[in-house]
Each structure stands twice: as C-alpha cells, then as structure tokens.
Amino acid sequence: MSAVSKSRDPDRLVLFTDAVVAIAITLLVLPLVDLVPEVKDHGGDAVSVITKHRQEIFTFLLSFVVIANFWLGHHRIFEHVRVYTAGIMRLNLLWLLTIVVLPFTTEIVGAFDSDRFVAGVYIGTILVLSICQSALALLVHGHKELETPDNPVSRRELTGSLVLTGFTLVAFLLGSLVPGINFYAMLLLLLPTPVMRVWRLRHPEQPRTGIGAQS
C-alpha cells in the first residue's frame, strides 16, 4: 500500500472521475445521432431510424445502464474515502480506462453480428471494470487511514462487489468460449441482486458501537 498523504482530498479525484464518466456516456449516443442524416440520405424515414437500428439502440441503452450502475458503485465507495493513495489513483485511472473504452466496444456490438469474439470483447471490458471496482473496495476496506472513521466500507458492500465480479467472470467465460451463448451470458448479471438479498437475510449487518455508531 502506498504511503497516505492527508493532503490528498478525494474530492478532486471524484470530480475528475465524474467528468470522464459524463463524457463517456455522451459518446455512447453519438453513433445514434449520426444515423439520422445517414438514413435520410438513403431515402429512409424517421420510423426506419428506429425499426432498422434496434440493435444499435439496444446496445446504447445497455451500455448506458452499465456505466450508470458502475458510476453509482464508484460513488458509494468514495463516500467512505477521506484520503487516497497513489495506488488508489492509478487503480481509479484503470477503472476510467475501461469506462472510456466501453463506447468503442458498444460500437463494435452495434456494427457486427453477435459471435463469441464480439461478446468476449464487450463482456471482457465490463469484467475489467468490475475487477477494478472490487479492487478499489478491497483497498479501502479495513484501511483506517483511508476510510472515514464513522463510515467505513461495510462487509455487505464488499461482498456485493465481489459477487458481481464473480458473475461477470462466469458470463465472460460462457459468452466468449461456449458457442451459441454469446450475449445471453449477460443474463447472469441479473443474479447478483437476488443473491445479495439472500446473503443479507443470512448475514444481517451488525450495528456499530462506539464512536460513529448510529442511533
């Protein structure tokens, strides 16, 4: 773990991250914007922009949801951070790299027929993103110099992040290696939520005591 500098307020890192995420989400819609004059030049009407490009629209919506969900997860992690290390900064930059690559892989999905390679590229990007987010949670969890004393990363949050990464890994392996599955493997990413609900029932959060305990 890198040495902790108490002058490293995480607000600047968070603001930079938010700006990059906003740009990445904006880039997702640009190929759809370009479709409108293209369809018009080929004699199409407004309806055909939608009906003949459903795959592109679906992948845009899917990638928007993916980026939004990971941004929300990133936001929750940094709610617990009071200072950051060089290691966290580098890991956060890798997280951002996968975010800005996602519009590129989304364009690949929209432009080419689904196969194992296309599915592997897309799901693999999400896998790297999920690994980075879990690694951020692991770095902060239990590190008293990094965590806000009265708001540490809970075991529930850490477990949820690791469960999502685990299901994403399985989805990547199935989508990229098993013929015929392709993007159907992404249905596995619906499972972490019910799995964590069951986990929470079996492992209720223990109330904190002492300084910072909530009433």
Protein backbone atom coordinates (compact mmCIF):
# COMPACT_ATOMS: atom_id res chain seq x y z
CA MET A 1 0.00 0.00 0.00
CA SER A 2 1.31 3.44 -0.94
CA ALA A 3 2.01 5.96 1.76
CA VAL A 4 -1.00 8.04 2.73
CA SER A 5 -0.84 11.80 2.33
CA LYS A 6 -3.50 13.54 4.36
CA SER A 7 -3.44 16.43 1.91
CA ARG A 8 -4.91 14.16 -0.77
CA ASP A 9 -8.56 15.07 -0.50
CA PRO A 10 -10.60 12.65 -2.68
CA ASP A 11 -12.93 15.40 -3.95
CA ARG A 12 -10.63 16.32 -6.85
CA LEU A 13 -10.29 12.67 -7.88
CA VAL A 14 -14.05 12.18 -7.69
CA LEU A 15 -14.78 15.32 -9.74
CA PHE A 16 -12.31 14.23 -12.42
CA THR A 17 -13.88 10.77 -12.48
CA ASP A 18 -17.39 12.19 -12.77
CA ALA A 19 -16.32 14.38 -15.71
CA VAL A 20 -14.80 11.43 -17.59
CA VAL A 21 -17.89 9.28 -16.97
CA ALA A 22 -20.13 12.07 -18.25
CA ILE A 23 -18.08 12.30 -21.45
CA ALA A 24 -18.15 8.51 -21.92
CA ILE A 25 -21.94 8.40 -21.56
CA THR A 26 -22.26 11.24 -24.06
CA LEU A 27 -20.06 9.40 -26.56
CA LEU A 28 -22.43 6.43 -26.42
CA VAL A 29 -25.22 8.34 -28.14
CA LEU A 30 -23.13 9.95 -30.90
CA PRO A 31 -23.36 6.92 -33.28
CA LEU A 32 -27.16 7.10 -32.96
CA VAL A 33 -27.10 10.81 -33.74
CA ASP A 34 -25.04 10.08 -36.87
CA LEU A 35 -27.65 7.56 -38.01
CA VAL A 36 -30.30 10.22 -38.63
CA PRO A 37 -28.66 12.02 -41.59
CA GLU A 38 -27.35 8.69 -42.88
CA VAL A 39 -30.85 7.19 -43.02
CA LYS A 40 -32.24 10.36 -44.60
CA ASP A 41 -29.53 10.36 -47.29
CA HIS A 42 -30.53 6.79 -48.19
CA GLY A 43 -34.19 7.72 -48.54
CA GLY A 44 -35.37 6.32 -45.23
CA ASP A 45 -37.99 7.89 -42.98
CA ALA A 46 -37.99 8.69 -39.27
CA VAL A 47 -39.59 5.35 -38.38
CA SER A 48 -36.82 3.40 -40.09
CA VAL A 49 -34.23 5.12 -37.88
CA ILE A 50 -35.76 3.16 -35.01
CA THR A 51 -37.01 -0.03 -36.65
CA LYS A 52 -33.89 -0.77 -38.71
CA HIS A 53 -31.38 0.02 -35.99
CA ARG A 54 -32.81 -1.72 -32.96
CA GLN A 55 -29.52 -3.46 -32.18
CA GLU A 56 -27.63 -0.16 -32.02
CA ILE A 57 -30.31 1.37 -29.80
CA PHE A 58 -30.35 -1.65 -27.51
CA THR A 59 -26.57 -1.66 -27.09
CA PHE A 60 -26.64 2.08 -26.36
CA LEU A 61 -29.23 1.57 -23.61
CA LEU A 62 -27.37 -1.45 -22.25
CA SER A 63 -24.06 0.40 -22.08
CA PHE A 64 -25.73 3.43 -20.53
CA VAL A 65 -27.13 1.23 -17.76
CA VAL A 66 -23.75 -0.49 -17.27
CA ILE A 67 -21.84 2.79 -16.95
CA ALA A 68 -24.51 4.33 -14.72
CA ASN A 69 -24.52 1.34 -12.36
CA PHE A 70 -20.74 1.25 -12.06
CA TRP A 71 -20.64 5.01 -11.53
CA LEU A 72 -23.15 4.63 -8.69
CA GLY A 73 -20.99 1.87 -7.20
CA HIS A 74 -17.88 4.04 -7.53
CA HIS A 75 -19.73 6.91 -5.85
CA ARG A 76 -20.70 4.66 -2.93
CA ILE A 77 -17.09 3.52 -2.46
CA PHE A 78 -15.73 7.06 -2.39
CA GLU A 79 -18.32 8.10 0.17
CA HIS A 80 -16.14 6.08 2.57
CA VAL A 81 -12.82 7.60 1.49
CA ARG A 82 -11.26 10.56 3.30
CA VAL A 83 -7.80 10.46 1.66
CA TYR A 84 -6.33 8.43 -1.18
CA THR A 85 -3.00 6.90 -2.11
CA ALA A 86 -1.08 6.83 -5.38
CA GLY A 87 -2.15 3.19 -5.69
CA ILE A 88 -5.83 4.13 -5.49
CA MET A 89 -5.29 6.91 -8.02
CA ARG A 90 -3.66 4.50 -10.51
CA LEU A 91 -6.40 1.92 -10.00
CA ASN A 92 -9.02 4.61 -10.47
CA LEU A 93 -7.36 5.57 -13.77
CA LEU A 94 -7.58 1.95 -14.92
CA TRP A 95 -11.27 1.99 -13.92
CA LEU A 96 -11.68 5.12 -16.06
CA LEU A 97 -9.85 3.48 -18.97
CA THR A 98 -12.45 0.72 -19.10
CA ILE A 99 -15.22 3.33 -18.88
CA VAL A 100 -13.91 5.27 -21.88
CA VAL A 101 -13.29 2.04 -23.85
CA LEU A 102 -16.91 0.93 -23.38
CA PRO A 103 -18.32 3.28 -26.11
CA PHE A 104 -15.80 1.71 -28.52
CA THR A 105 -16.87 -1.84 -27.66
CA THR A 106 -20.51 -0.73 -27.82
CA GLU A 107 -19.93 0.46 -31.39
CA ILE A 108 -18.43 -2.95 -32.24
CA VAL A 109 -21.54 -4.68 -30.88
CA GLY A 110 -23.81 -2.40 -32.90
CA ALA A 111 -21.85 -2.76 -36.13
CA PHE A 112 -21.15 -6.51 -36.27
CA ASP A 113 -23.15 -9.70 -35.88
CA SER A 114 -23.04 -11.30 -32.46
CA ASP A 115 -20.43 -14.01 -32.06
CA ARG A 116 -18.08 -15.23 -29.34
CA PHE A 117 -15.41 -12.66 -30.15
CA VAL A 118 -17.77 -9.68 -30.09
CA ALA A 119 -19.40 -10.93 -26.88
CA GLY A 120 -15.99 -11.58 -25.34
CA VAL A 121 -14.73 -8.08 -26.14
CA TYR A 122 -17.80 -6.42 -24.68
CA ILE A 123 -18.25 -8.59 -21.58
CA GLY A 124 -14.49 -8.62 -21.06
CA THR A 125 -14.49 -4.84 -20.82
CA ILE A 126 -17.21 -5.00 -18.20
CA LEU A 127 -15.23 -7.69 -16.36
CA VAL A 128 -12.12 -5.49 -16.14
CA LEU A 129 -14.33 -2.63 -14.94
CA SER A 130 -15.85 -4.83 -12.25
CA ILE A 131 -12.44 -6.14 -11.14
CA CYS A 132 -11.16 -2.57 -10.77
CA GLN A 133 -14.19 -1.58 -8.72
CA SER A 134 -13.84 -4.59 -6.43
CA ALA A 135 -10.13 -3.86 -6.05
CA LEU A 136 -10.94 -0.27 -5.02
CA ALA A 137 -13.36 -1.56 -2.39
CA LEU A 138 -10.76 -4.05 -1.14
CA LEU A 139 -8.06 -1.37 -0.89
CA VAL A 140 -10.26 0.93 1.16
CA HIS A 141 -11.97 -1.71 3.31
CA GLY A 142 -10.35 -2.01 6.72
CA HIS A 143 -7.70 0.64 5.99
CA LYS A 144 -8.18 3.04 8.87
CA GLU A 145 -6.05 5.77 7.32
CA LEU A 146 -8.17 5.79 4.17
CA GLU A 147 -11.67 5.16 5.48
CA THR A 148 -13.87 7.79 7.07
CA PRO A 149 -13.92 6.67 10.73
CA ASP A 150 -17.68 6.86 11.13
CA ASN A 151 -18.47 5.49 7.67
CA PRO A 152 -16.24 2.52 6.74
CA VAL A 153 -16.81 0.18 3.80
CA SER A 154 -19.17 -2.47 5.13
CA ARG A 155 -18.70 -6.19 4.64
CA ARG A 156 -22.02 -6.20 2.79
CA GLU A 157 -20.79 -3.66 0.23
CA LEU A 158 -17.53 -5.50 -0.29
CA THR A 159 -19.29 -8.85 -0.70
CA GLY A 160 -21.75 -7.36 -3.19
CA SER A 161 -18.92 -6.02 -5.32
CA LEU A 162 -17.08 -9.36 -5.29
CA VAL A 163 -20.26 -11.29 -6.12
CA LEU A 164 -20.87 -9.06 -9.16
CA THR A 165 -17.28 -9.60 -10.31
CA GLY A 166 -17.67 -13.35 -9.91
CA PHE A 167 -20.84 -13.49 -12.01
CA THR A 168 -19.25 -11.22 -14.63
CA LEU A 169 -16.28 -13.59 -14.88
CA VAL A 170 -18.61 -16.55 -15.45
CA ALA A 171 -20.56 -14.54 -18.05
CA PHE A 172 -17.32 -13.67 -19.86
CA LEU A 173 -16.18 -17.30 -19.96
CA LEU A 174 -19.55 -18.52 -21.21
CA GLY A 175 -20.03 -15.75 -23.75
CA SER A 176 -16.54 -15.95 -25.23
CA LEU A 177 -15.94 -19.70 -25.10
CA VAL A 178 -19.28 -21.52 -25.46
CA PRO A 179 -20.78 -21.47 -28.98
CA GLY A 180 -24.28 -20.05 -29.26
CA ILE A 181 -24.41 -18.33 -25.88
CA ASN A 182 -22.77 -15.01 -26.76
CA PHE A 183 -24.67 -12.12 -25.13
CA TYR A 184 -27.17 -14.40 -23.40
CA ALA A 185 -24.41 -14.86 -20.84
CA MET A 186 -25.08 -11.31 -19.66
CA LEU A 187 -28.35 -12.51 -18.15
CA LEU A 188 -26.15 -13.80 -15.33
CA LEU A 189 -25.57 -10.18 -14.32
CA LEU A 190 -29.18 -10.09 -13.13
CA LEU A 191 -28.38 -12.64 -10.43
CA PRO A 192 -26.14 -10.68 -8.01
CA THR A 193 -29.11 -8.64 -6.71
CA PRO A 194 -31.22 -11.64 -5.55
CA VAL A 195 -28.07 -13.42 -4.34
CA MET A 196 -27.19 -10.43 -2.15
CA ARG A 197 -30.74 -10.26 -0.82
CA VAL A 198 -30.43 -13.84 0.36
CA TRP A 199 -26.95 -13.10 1.77
CA ARG A 200 -28.28 -10.10 3.71
CA LEU A 201 -31.01 -12.24 5.24
CA ARG A 202 -28.43 -14.78 6.38
CA HIS A 203 -25.83 -12.19 7.44
CA PRO A 204 -27.63 -9.18 8.90
CA GLU A 205 -25.48 -6.08 9.31
CA GLN A 206 -24.22 -5.75 12.85
CA PRO A 207 -24.88 -2.37 14.48
CA ARG A 208 -21.73 -0.33 15.07
CA THR A 209 -20.79 0.61 18.57
CA GLY A 210 -18.67 3.39 20.00
CA ILE A 211 -17.68 6.49 18.08
CA GLY A 212 -19.73 6.97 14.94
CA ALA A 213 -22.41 4.44 15.90
CA GLN A 214 -25.79 5.42 14.61
CA SER A 215 -28.75 5.60 16.91
